[in-house]
Amino acid sequence: MAIKGMKLVSLSVQQLIDCADEYWGNMGCRGGWPYYAWYYTQYFGLEDEKDYPYRGFMSKCKQRPRNALVATKRGEPYFEAGNVPWALKLAISKGP
C-alpha cells in the first residue's frame, strides 16, 4: 500500500488471531502458519489496527464487510528457501 502511494498502515494482528482460525489451518493464540494467514488475507483482507485493535487473547471474529477493509493480498507468498536476499528483491520489484 505504501509503495502504491498510500500511507503506511499498521494492519490488524488481532483480526488474524480471531478470524484466520482452524478453517484456515491456524489456531489463533496457539500458533499457526504465515502462509495460511496470507491466504486468509486474499479472501478477506486486513483491517487497520486502530479499527481492529490487538487484545492479546482470542475472541469472536469481528471483521467488517469487505468494502471497509484496508488491505488485501495479490500474488503468491512463496519464496525459495535459503535465498532471502533474492526473494526480497523479487517481492519489492513486483510491488504490492
PDB file of N, CA and C in Angstrom:
ATOM      1  N   MET A   1       0.832  -1.192   0.000  1.00  0.00           N
ATOM      2  CA  MET A   1       0.000   0.000   0.000  1.00  0.00           C
ATOM      3  C   MET A   1       0.869   1.245   0.000  1.00  0.00           C
ATOM      4  N   ALA A   2       1.954   1.210   0.792  1.00  0.00           N
ATOM      5  CA  ALA A   2       2.845   2.363   0.847  1.00  0.00           C
ATOM      6  C   ALA A   2       3.532   2.563  -0.504  1.00  0.00           C
ATOM      7  N   ILE A   3       3.926   1.480  -1.184  1.00  0.00           N
ATOM      8  CA  ILE A   3       4.571   1.573  -2.484  1.00  0.00           C
ATOM      9  C   ILE A   3       3.619   2.166  -3.510  1.00  0.00           C
ATOM     10  N   LYS A   4       2.342   1.870  -3.395  1.00  0.00           N
ATOM     11  CA  LYS A   4       1.354   2.396  -4.340  1.00  0.00           C
ATOM     12  C   LYS A   4       0.999   3.855  -4.061  1.00  0.00           C
ATOM     13  N   GLY A   5       1.675   4.476  -3.119  1.00  0.00           N
ATOM     14  CA  GLY A   5       1.448   5.887  -2.866  1.00  0.00           C
ATOM     15  C   GLY A   5       0.497   6.192  -1.725  1.00  0.00           C
ATOM     16  N   MET A   6       0.013   5.167  -1.081  1.00  0.00           N
ATOM     17  CA  MET A   6      -0.867   5.394   0.047  1.00  0.00           C
ATOM     18  C   MET A   6      -0.026   5.478   1.315  1.00  0.00           C
ATOM     19  N   LYS A   7      -0.627   5.903   2.395  1.00  0.00           N
ATOM     20  CA  LYS A   7       0.116   5.995   3.647  1.00  0.00           C
ATOM     21  C   LYS A   7       0.406   4.610   4.223  1.00  0.00           C
ATOM     22  N   LEU A   8       1.436   4.521   5.044  1.00  0.00           N
ATOM     23  CA  LEU A   8       1.791   3.281   5.712  1.00  0.00           C
ATOM     24  C   LEU A   8       0.766   3.014   6.817  1.00  0.00           C
ATOM     25  N   VAL A   9       0.162   1.837   6.786  1.00  0.00           N
ATOM     26  CA  VAL A   9      -0.905   1.482   7.718  1.00  0.00           C
ATOM     27  C   VAL A   9      -0.473   0.276   8.534  1.00  0.00           C
ATOM     28  N   SER A  10      -0.698   0.312   9.837  1.00  0.00           N
ATOM     29  CA  SER A  10      -0.452  -0.842  10.692  1.00  0.00           C
ATOM     30  C   SER A  10      -1.674  -1.751  10.607  1.00  0.00           C
ATOM     31  N   LEU A  11      -1.475  -2.967  10.102  1.00  0.00           N
ATOM     32  CA  LEU A  11      -2.591  -3.883   9.892  1.00  0.00           C
ATOM     33  C   LEU A  11      -2.883  -4.714  11.138  1.00  0.00           C
ATOM     34  N   SER A  12      -4.097  -5.176  11.257  1.00  0.00           N
ATOM     35  CA  SER A  12      -4.584  -5.846  12.458  1.00  0.00           C
ATOM     36  C   SER A  12      -4.068  -7.269  12.627  1.00  0.00           C
ATOM     37  N   VAL A  13      -3.249  -7.473  13.633  1.00  0.00           N
ATOM     38  CA  VAL A  13      -2.802  -8.812  14.028  1.00  0.00           C
ATOM     39  C   VAL A  13      -3.963  -9.544  14.700  1.00  0.00           C
ATOM     40  N   GLN A  14      -4.755  -8.815  15.465  1.00  0.00           N
ATOM     41  CA  GLN A  14      -5.875  -9.424  16.189  1.00  0.00           C
ATOM     42  C   GLN A  14      -6.879 -10.047  15.233  1.00  0.00           C
ATOM     43  N   GLN A  15      -7.097  -9.425  14.090  1.00  0.00           N
ATOM     44  CA  GLN A  15      -8.012  -9.998  13.104  1.00  0.00           C
ATOM     45  C   GLN A  15      -7.518 -11.372  12.657  1.00  0.00           C
ATOM     46  N   LEU A  16      -6.210 -11.518  12.453  1.00  0.00           N
ATOM     47  CA  LEU A  16      -5.666 -12.830  12.085  1.00  0.00           C
ATOM     48  C   LEU A  16      -5.857 -13.833  13.210  1.00  0.00           C
ATOM     49  N   ILE A  17      -5.641 -13.414  14.453  1.00  0.00           N
ATOM     50  CA  ILE A  17      -5.811 -14.303  15.600  1.00  0.00           C
ATOM     51  C   ILE A  17      -7.266 -14.769  15.706  1.00  0.00           C
ATOM     52  N   ASP A  18      -8.203 -13.835  15.559  1.00  0.00           N
ATOM     53  CA  ASP A  18      -9.619 -14.147  15.727  1.00  0.00           C
ATOM     54  C   ASP A  18     -10.232 -14.847  14.516  1.00  0.00           C
ATOM     55  N   CYS A  19      -9.829 -14.456  13.323  1.00  0.00           N
ATOM     56  CA  CYS A  19     -10.570 -14.853  12.125  1.00  0.00           C
ATOM     57  C   CYS A  19      -9.872 -15.888  11.245  1.00  0.00           C
ATOM     58  N   ALA A  20      -8.547 -15.902  11.195  1.00  0.00           N
ATOM     59  CA  ALA A  20      -7.828 -16.885  10.376  1.00  0.00           C
ATOM     60  C   ALA A  20      -7.584 -18.124  11.228  1.00  0.00           C
ATOM     61  N   ASP A  21      -8.662 -18.789  11.585  1.00  0.00           N
ATOM     62  CA  ASP A  21      -8.648 -19.861  12.584  1.00  0.00           C
ATOM     63  C   ASP A  21      -8.423 -21.248  11.987  1.00  0.00           C
ATOM     64  N   GLU A  22      -8.969 -22.284  12.624  1.00  0.00           N
ATOM     65  CA  GLU A  22      -8.771 -23.667  12.210  1.00  0.00           C
ATOM     66  C   GLU A  22      -9.164 -23.909  10.758  1.00  0.00           C
ATOM     67  N   TYR A  23     -10.195 -23.241  10.299  1.00  0.00           N
ATOM     68  CA  TYR A  23     -10.615 -23.385   8.903  1.00  0.00           C
ATOM     69  C   TYR A  23      -9.480 -23.042   7.952  1.00  0.00           C
ATOM     70  N   TRP A  24      -8.657 -22.082   8.342  1.00  0.00           N
ATOM     71  CA  TRP A  24      -7.536 -21.618   7.517  1.00  0.00           C
ATOM     72  C   TRP A  24      -6.229 -22.310   7.883  1.00  0.00           C
ATOM     73  N   GLY A  25      -6.255 -23.272   8.796  1.00  0.00           N
ATOM     74  CA  GLY A  25      -5.054 -24.005   9.174  1.00  0.00           C
ATOM     75  C   GLY A  25      -4.278 -23.360  10.306  1.00  0.00           C
ATOM     76  N   ASN A  26      -4.884 -22.429  11.016  1.00  0.00           N
ATOM     77  CA  ASN A  26      -4.242 -21.747  12.134  1.00  0.00           C
ATOM     78  C   ASN A  26      -5.027 -22.000  13.415  1.00  0.00           C
ATOM     79  N   MET A  27      -4.388 -21.673  14.538  1.00  0.00           N
ATOM     80  CA  MET A  27      -5.010 -21.948  15.833  1.00  0.00           C
ATOM     81  C   MET A  27      -5.008 -20.717  16.735  1.00  0.00           C
ATOM     82  N   GLY A  28      -5.196 -19.536  16.172  1.00  0.00           N
ATOM     83  CA  GLY A  28      -5.263 -18.319  16.967  1.00  0.00           C
ATOM     84  C   GLY A  28      -4.039 -18.105  17.823  1.00  0.00           C
ATOM     85  N   CYS A  29      -4.230 -17.943  19.108  1.00  0.00           N
ATOM     86  CA  CYS A  29      -3.127 -17.716  20.047  1.00  0.00           C
ATOM     87  C   CYS A  29      -2.269 -18.963  20.246  1.00  0.00           C
ATOM     88  N   ARG A  30      -2.745 -20.102  19.788  1.00  0.00           N
ATOM     89  CA  ARG A  30      -1.989 -21.354  19.955  1.00  0.00           C
ATOM     90  C   ARG A  30      -1.066 -21.634  18.769  1.00  0.00           C
ATOM     91  N   GLY A  31      -0.938 -20.694  17.854  1.00  0.00           N
ATOM     92  CA  GLY A  31       0.001 -20.837  16.747  1.00  0.00           C
ATOM     93  C   GLY A  31      -0.671 -20.898  15.394  1.00  0.00           C
ATOM     94  N   GLY A  32       0.165 -20.953  14.378  1.00  0.00           N
ATOM     95  CA  GLY A  32      -0.343 -21.008  13.019  1.00  0.00           C
ATOM     96  C   GLY A  32       0.786 -20.815  12.030  1.00  0.00           C
ATOM     97  N   TRP A  33       0.426 -20.647  10.777  1.00  0.00           N
ATOM     98  CA  TRP A  33       1.400 -20.544   9.700  1.00  0.00           C
ATOM     99  C   TRP A  33       1.171 -19.263   8.907  1.00  0.00           C
ATOM    100  N   PRO A  34       2.231 -18.484   8.693  1.00  0.00           N
ATOM    101  CA  PRO A  34       2.103 -17.258   7.905  1.00  0.00           C
ATOM    102  C   PRO A  34       1.518 -17.514   6.518  1.00  0.00           C
ATOM    103  N   TYR A  35       1.866 -18.631   5.904  1.00  0.00           N
ATOM    104  CA  TYR A  35       1.368 -18.955   4.568  1.00  0.00           C
ATOM    105  C   TYR A  35      -0.155 -19.030   4.566  1.00  0.00           C
ATOM    106  N   TYR A  36      -0.742 -19.680   5.582  1.00  0.00           N
ATOM    107  CA  TYR A  36      -2.197 -19.788   5.654  1.00  0.00           C
ATOM    108  C   TYR A  36      -2.843 -18.448   5.986  1.00  0.00           C
ATOM    109  N   ALA A  37      -2.193 -17.682   6.834  1.00  0.00           N
ATOM    110  CA  ALA A  37      -2.702 -16.343   7.137  1.00  0.00           C
ATOM    111  C   ALA A  37      -2.701 -15.488   5.874  1.00  0.00           C
ATOM    112  N   TRP A  38      -1.689 -15.657   5.045  1.00  0.00           N
ATOM    113  CA  TRP A  38      -1.598 -14.935   3.780  1.00  0.00           C
ATOM    114  C   TRP A  38      -2.802 -15.262   2.893  1.00  0.00           C
ATOM    115  N   TYR A  39      -3.190 -16.543   2.850  1.00  0.00           N
ATOM    116  CA  TYR A  39      -4.363 -16.922   2.063  1.00  0.00           C
ATOM    117  C   TYR A  39      -5.645 -16.327   2.637  1.00  0.00           C
ATOM    118  N   TYR A  40      -5.734 -16.255   3.951  1.00  0.00           N
ATOM    119  CA  TYR A  40      -6.903 -15.609   4.557  1.00  0.00           C
ATOM    120  C   TYR A  40      -7.038 -14.181   4.029  1.00  0.00           C
ATOM    121  N   THR A  41      -5.914 -13.454   3.957  1.00  0.00           N
ATOM    122  CA  THR A  41      -5.964 -12.060   3.500  1.00  0.00           C
ATOM    123  C   THR A  41      -6.417 -11.954   2.046  1.00  0.00           C
ATOM    124  N   GLN A  42      -6.200 -13.005   1.251  1.00  0.00           N
ATOM    125  CA  GLN A  42      -6.649 -12.987  -0.137  1.00  0.00           C
ATOM    126  C   GLN A  42      -8.163 -12.869  -0.206  1.00  0.00           C
ATOM    127  N   TYR A  43      -8.847 -13.515   0.701  1.00  0.00           N
ATOM    128  CA  TYR A  43     -10.304 -13.528   0.677  1.00  0.00           C
ATOM    129  C   TYR A  43     -10.951 -12.411   1.473  1.00  0.00           C
ATOM    130  N   PHE A  44     -10.322 -12.006   2.581  1.00  0.00           N
ATOM    131  CA  PHE A  44     -10.971 -11.047   3.468  1.00  0.00           C
ATOM    132  C   PHE A  44     -10.194  -9.762   3.688  1.00  0.00           C
ATOM    133  N   GLY A  45      -8.903  -9.729   3.322  1.00  0.00           N
ATOM    134  CA  GLY A  45      -8.092  -8.547   3.587  1.00  0.00           C
ATOM    135  C   GLY A  45      -7.827  -8.398   5.073  1.00  0.00           C
ATOM    136  N   LEU A  46      -7.185  -7.302   5.428  1.00  0.00           N
ATOM    137  CA  LEU A  46      -6.941  -6.991   6.834  1.00  0.00           C
ATOM    138  C   LEU A  46      -7.366  -5.566   7.108  1.00  0.00           C
ATOM    139  N   GLU A  47      -7.890  -5.364   8.275  1.00  0.00           N
ATOM    140  CA  GLU A  47      -8.294  -4.029   8.668  1.00  0.00           C
ATOM    141  C   GLU A  47      -7.128  -3.277   9.288  1.00  0.00           C
ATOM    142  N   ASP A  48      -7.296  -2.001   9.410  1.00  0.00           N
ATOM    143  CA  ASP A  48      -6.342  -1.152  10.108  1.00  0.00           C
ATOM    144  C   ASP A  48      -6.351  -1.550  11.588  1.00  0.00           C
ATOM    145  N   GLU A  49      -5.171  -1.571  12.204  1.00  0.00           N
ATOM    146  CA  GLU A  49      -5.087  -1.974  13.610  1.00  0.00           C
ATOM    147  C   GLU A  49      -5.889  -1.055  14.526  1.00  0.00           C
ATOM    148  N   LYS A  50      -6.025   0.209  14.161  1.00  0.00           N
ATOM    149  CA  LYS A  50      -6.817   1.114  15.016  1.00  0.00           C
ATOM    150  C   LYS A  50      -8.303   0.764  14.994  1.00  0.00           C
ATOM    151  N   ASP A  51      -8.765   0.123  13.912  1.00  0.00           N
ATOM    152  CA  ASP A  51     -10.166  -0.289  13.819  1.00  0.00           C
ATOM    153  C   ASP A  51     -10.421  -1.687  14.374  1.00  0.00           C
ATOM    154  N   TYR A  52      -9.369  -2.511  14.413  1.00  0.00           N
ATOM    155  CA  TYR A  52      -9.480  -3.870  14.966  1.00  0.00           C
ATOM    156  C   TYR A  52      -8.239  -4.071  15.838  1.00  0.00           C
ATOM    157  N   PRO A  53      -8.217  -3.434  17.028  1.00  0.00           N
ATOM    158  CA  PRO A  53      -7.007  -3.392  17.857  1.00  0.00           C
ATOM    159  C   PRO A  53      -6.615  -4.734  18.486  1.00  0.00           C
ATOM    160  N   TYR A  54      -5.338  -4.844  18.786  1.00  0.00           N
ATOM    161  CA  TYR A  54      -4.789  -6.035  19.437  1.00  0.00           C
ATOM    162  C   TYR A  54      -5.300  -6.116  20.867  1.00  0.00           C
ATOM    163  N   ARG A  55      -5.773  -7.309  21.282  1.00  0.00           N
ATOM    164  CA  ARG A  55      -6.298  -7.507  22.635  1.00  0.00           C
ATOM    165  C   ARG A  55      -5.484  -8.517  23.426  1.00  0.00           C
ATOM    166  N   GLY A  56      -4.698  -9.344  22.734  1.00  0.00           N
ATOM    167  CA  GLY A  56      -3.840 -10.296  23.432  1.00  0.00           C
ATOM    168  C   GLY A  56      -4.495 -11.617  23.778  1.00  0.00           C
ATOM    169  N   PHE A  57      -5.706 -11.843  23.303  1.00  0.00           N
ATOM    170  CA  PHE A  57      -6.382 -13.119  23.502  1.00  0.00           C
ATOM    171  C   PHE A  57      -7.365 -13.330  22.356  1.00  0.00           C
ATOM    172  N   MET A  58      -7.722 -14.589  22.117  1.00  0.00           N
ATOM    173  CA  MET A  58      -8.680 -14.898  21.050  1.00  0.00           C
ATOM    174  C   MET A  58     -10.079 -14.465  21.451  1.00  0.00           C
ATOM    175  N   SER A  59     -10.810 -13.968  20.484  1.00  0.00           N
ATOM    176  CA  SER A  59     -12.216 -13.649  20.700  1.00  0.00           C
ATOM    177  C   SER A  59     -12.969 -13.927  19.403  1.00  0.00           C
ATOM    178  N   LYS A  60     -14.252 -13.672  19.404  1.00  0.00           N
ATOM    179  CA  LYS A  60     -15.068 -13.905  18.220  1.00  0.00           C
ATOM    180  C   LYS A  60     -14.616 -12.979  17.091  1.00  0.00           C
ATOM    181  N   CYS A  61     -14.586 -13.501  15.873  1.00  0.00           N
ATOM    182  CA  CYS A  61     -14.183 -12.720  14.707  1.00  0.00           C
ATOM    183  C   CYS A  61     -15.161 -11.563  14.493  1.00  0.00           C
ATOM    184  N   LYS A  62     -14.609 -10.357  14.357  1.00  0.00           N
ATOM    185  CA  LYS A  62     -15.435  -9.161  14.187  1.00  0.00           C
ATOM    186  C   LYS A  62     -15.053  -8.385  12.933  1.00  0.00           C
ATOM    187  N   GLN A  63     -14.635  -9.097  11.875  1.00  0.00           N
ATOM    188  CA  GLN A  63     -14.229  -8.383  10.670  1.00  0.00           C
ATOM    189  C   GLN A  63     -15.396  -7.617  10.069  1.00  0.00           C
ATOM    190  N   ARG A  64     -15.066  -6.492   9.450  1.00  0.00           N
ATOM    191  CA  ARG A  64     -16.085  -5.648   8.829  1.00  0.00           C
ATOM    192  C   ARG A  64     -16.402  -6.157   7.424  1.00  0.00           C
ATOM    193  N   PRO A  65     -17.439  -5.646   6.822  1.00  0.00           N
ATOM    194  CA  PRO A  65     -17.741  -6.045   5.441  1.00  0.00           C
ATOM    195  C   PRO A  65     -16.553  -5.764   4.521  1.00  0.00           C
ATOM    196  N   ARG A  66     -16.433  -6.544   3.479  1.00  0.00           N
ATOM    197  CA  ARG A  66     -15.285  -6.469   2.574  1.00  0.00           C
ATOM    198  C   ARG A  66     -14.993  -5.054   2.072  1.00  0.00           C
ATOM    199  N   ASN A  67     -15.980  -4.249   1.856  1.00  0.00           N
ATOM    200  CA  ASN A  67     -15.726  -2.908   1.321  1.00  0.00           C
ATOM    201  C   ASN A  67     -15.088  -1.966   2.333  1.00  0.00           C
ATOM    202  N   ALA A  68     -15.003  -2.344   3.584  1.00  0.00           N
ATOM    203  CA  ALA A  68     -14.417  -1.486   4.609  1.00  0.00           C
ATOM    204  C   ALA A  68     -12.974  -1.853   4.937  1.00  0.00           C
ATOM    205  N   LEU A  69     -12.412  -2.838   4.268  1.00  0.00           N
ATOM    206  CA  LEU A  69     -11.073  -3.309   4.590  1.00  0.00           C
ATOM    207  C   LEU A  69     -10.007  -2.428   3.956  1.00  0.00           C
ATOM    208  N   VAL A  70      -8.833  -2.397   4.592  1.00  0.00           N
ATOM    209  CA  VAL A  70      -7.772  -1.518   4.096  1.00  0.00           C
ATOM    210  C   VAL A  70      -6.729  -2.236   3.257  1.00  0.00           C
ATOM    211  N   ALA A  71      -6.654  -3.550   3.271  1.00  0.00           N
ATOM    212  CA  ALA A  71      -5.623  -4.242   2.502  1.00  0.00           C
ATOM    213  C   ALA A  71      -6.066  -5.638   2.118  1.00  0.00           C
ATOM    214  N   THR A  72      -5.695  -6.043   0.938  1.00  0.00           N
ATOM    215  CA  THR A  72      -5.851  -7.424   0.500  1.00  0.00           C
ATOM    216  C   THR A  72      -4.572  -7.823  -0.207  1.00  0.00           C
ATOM    217  N   LYS A  73      -4.340  -9.099  -0.350  1.00  0.00           N
ATOM    218  CA  LYS A  73      -3.104  -9.548  -0.993  1.00  0.00           C
ATOM    219  C   LYS A  73      -3.367  -9.914  -2.438  1.00  0.00           C
ATOM    220  N   ARG A  74      -2.318  -9.863  -3.227  1.00  0.00           N
ATOM    221  CA  ARG A  74      -2.348 -10.324  -4.604  1.00  0.00           C
ATOM    222  C   ARG A  74      -1.079 -11.127  -4.832  1.00  0.00           C
ATOM    223  N   GLY A  75      -1.145 -12.206  -5.593  1.00  0.00           N
ATOM    224  CA  GLY A  75       0.039 -12.985  -5.901  1.00  0.00           C
ATOM    225  C   GLY A  75       0.289 -14.062  -4.864  1.00  0.00           C
ATOM    226  N   GLU A  76       1.418 -14.694  -4.969  1.00  0.00           N
ATOM    227  CA  GLU A  76       1.775 -15.802  -4.092  1.00  0.00           C
ATOM    228  C   GLU A  76       2.882 -15.412  -3.125  1.00  0.00           C
ATOM    229  N   PRO A  77       2.830 -15.903  -1.886  1.00  0.00           N
ATOM    230  CA  PRO A  77       3.857 -15.559  -0.906  1.00  0.00           C
ATOM    231  C   PRO A  77       5.069 -16.483  -0.925  1.00  0.00           C
ATOM    232  N   TYR A  78       5.187 -17.352  -1.926  1.00  0.00           N
ATOM    233  CA  TYR A  78       6.248 -18.354  -1.932  1.00  0.00           C
ATOM    234  C   TYR A  78       7.605 -17.741  -2.265  1.00  0.00           C
ATOM    235  N   PHE A  79       8.608 -18.043  -1.443  1.00  0.00           N
ATOM    236  CA  PHE A  79       9.983 -17.638  -1.702  1.00  0.00           C
ATOM    237  C   PHE A  79      10.877 -18.857  -1.550  1.00  0.00           C
ATOM    238  N   GLU A  80      11.890 -18.927  -2.378  1.00  0.00           N
ATOM    239  CA  GLU A  80      12.821 -20.047  -2.338  1.00  0.00           C
ATOM    240  C   GLU A  80      13.598 -20.052  -1.033  1.00  0.00           C
ATOM    241  N   ALA A  81      13.627 -21.194  -0.344  1.00  0.00           N
ATOM    242  CA  ALA A  81      14.348 -21.319   0.922  1.00  0.00           C
ATOM    243  C   ALA A  81      15.835 -21.064   0.715  1.00  0.00           C
ATOM    244  N   GLY A  82      16.440 -20.354   1.656  1.00  0.00           N
ATOM    245  CA  GLY A  82      17.874 -20.116   1.612  1.00  0.00           C
ATOM    246  C   GLY A  82      18.300 -18.988   0.705  1.00  0.00           C
ATOM    247  N   ASN A  83      17.356 -18.311   0.068  1.00  0.00           N
ATOM    248  CA  ASN A  83      17.715 -17.239  -0.845  1.00  0.00           C
ATOM    249  C   ASN A  83      16.919 -15.983  -0.511  1.00  0.00           C
ATOM    250  N   VAL A  84      17.001 -15.563   0.734  1.00  0.00           N
ATOM    251  CA  VAL A  84      16.206 -14.440   1.216  1.00  0.00           C
ATOM    252  C   VAL A  84      16.507 -13.142   0.471  1.00  0.00           C
ATOM    253  N   PRO A  85      17.786 -12.759   0.242  1.00  0.00           N
ATOM    254  CA  PRO A  85      18.025 -11.505  -0.488  1.00  0.00           C
ATOM    255  C   PRO A  85      17.360 -11.489  -1.862  1.00  0.00           C
ATOM    256  N   TRP A  86      17.448 -12.597  -2.584  1.00  0.00           N
ATOM    257  CA  TRP A  86      16.807 -12.679  -3.891  1.00  0.00           C
ATOM    258  C   TRP A  86      15.289 -12.545  -3.750  1.00  0.00           C
ATOM    259  N   ALA A  87      14.721 -13.224  -2.766  1.00  0.00           N
ATOM    260  CA  ALA A  87      13.274 -13.192  -2.569  1.00  0.00           C
ATOM    261  C   ALA A  87      12.798 -11.790  -2.247  1.00  0.00           C
ATOM    262  N   LEU A  88      13.541 -11.082  -1.414  1.00  0.00           N
ATOM    263  CA  LEU A  88      13.149  -9.709  -1.054  1.00  0.00           C
ATOM    264  C   LEU A  88      13.237  -8.788  -2.271  1.00  0.00           C
ATOM    265  N   LYS A  89      14.281  -8.932  -3.056  1.00  0.00           N
ATOM    266  CA  LYS A  89      14.413  -8.120  -4.280  1.00  0.00           C
ATOM    267  C   LYS A  89      13.257  -8.397  -5.239  1.00  0.00           C
ATOM    268  N   LEU A  90      12.893  -9.662  -5.375  1.00  0.00           N
ATOM    269  CA  LEU A  90      11.780 -10.026  -6.241  1.00  0.00           C
ATOM    270  C   LEU A  90      10.478  -9.421  -5.727  1.00  0.00           C
ATOM    271  N   ALA A  91      10.223  -9.552  -4.442  1.00  0.00           N
ATOM    272  CA  ALA A  91       8.980  -9.021  -3.863  1.00  0.00           C
ATOM    273  C   ALA A  91       8.891  -7.519  -4.036  1.00  0.00           C
ATOM    274  N   ILE A  92       9.984  -6.815  -3.825  1.00  0.00           N
ATOM    275  CA  ILE A  92       9.983  -5.354  -3.966  1.00  0.00           C
ATOM    276  C   ILE A  92       9.791  -4.956  -5.425  1.00  0.00           C
ATOM    277  N   SER A  93      10.410  -5.691  -6.340  1.00  0.00           N
ATOM    278  CA  SER A  93      10.296  -5.350  -7.763  1.00  0.00           C
ATOM    279  C   SER A  93       8.881  -5.551  -8.276  1.00  0.00           C
ATOM    280  N   LYS A  94       8.167  -6.516  -7.730  1.00  0.00           N
ATOM    281  CA  LYS A  94       6.794  -6.795  -8.157  1.00  0.00           C
ATOM    282  C   LYS A  94       5.813  -5.785  -7.577  1.00  0.00           C
ATOM    283  N   GLY A  95       6.136  -5.213  -6.417  1.00  0.00           N
ATOM    284  CA  GLY A  95       5.242  -4.269  -5.771  1.00  0.00           C
ATOM    285  C   GLY A  95       4.079  -4.961  -5.091  1.00  0.00           C
ATOM    286  N   PRO A  96       3.166  -4.174  -4.584  1.00  0.00           N
ATOM    287  CA  PRO A  96       2.045  -4.756  -3.840  1.00  0.00           C
ATOM    288  C   PRO A  96       1.093  -5.519  -4.751  1.00  0.00           C
TER     289      PRO A  96
END
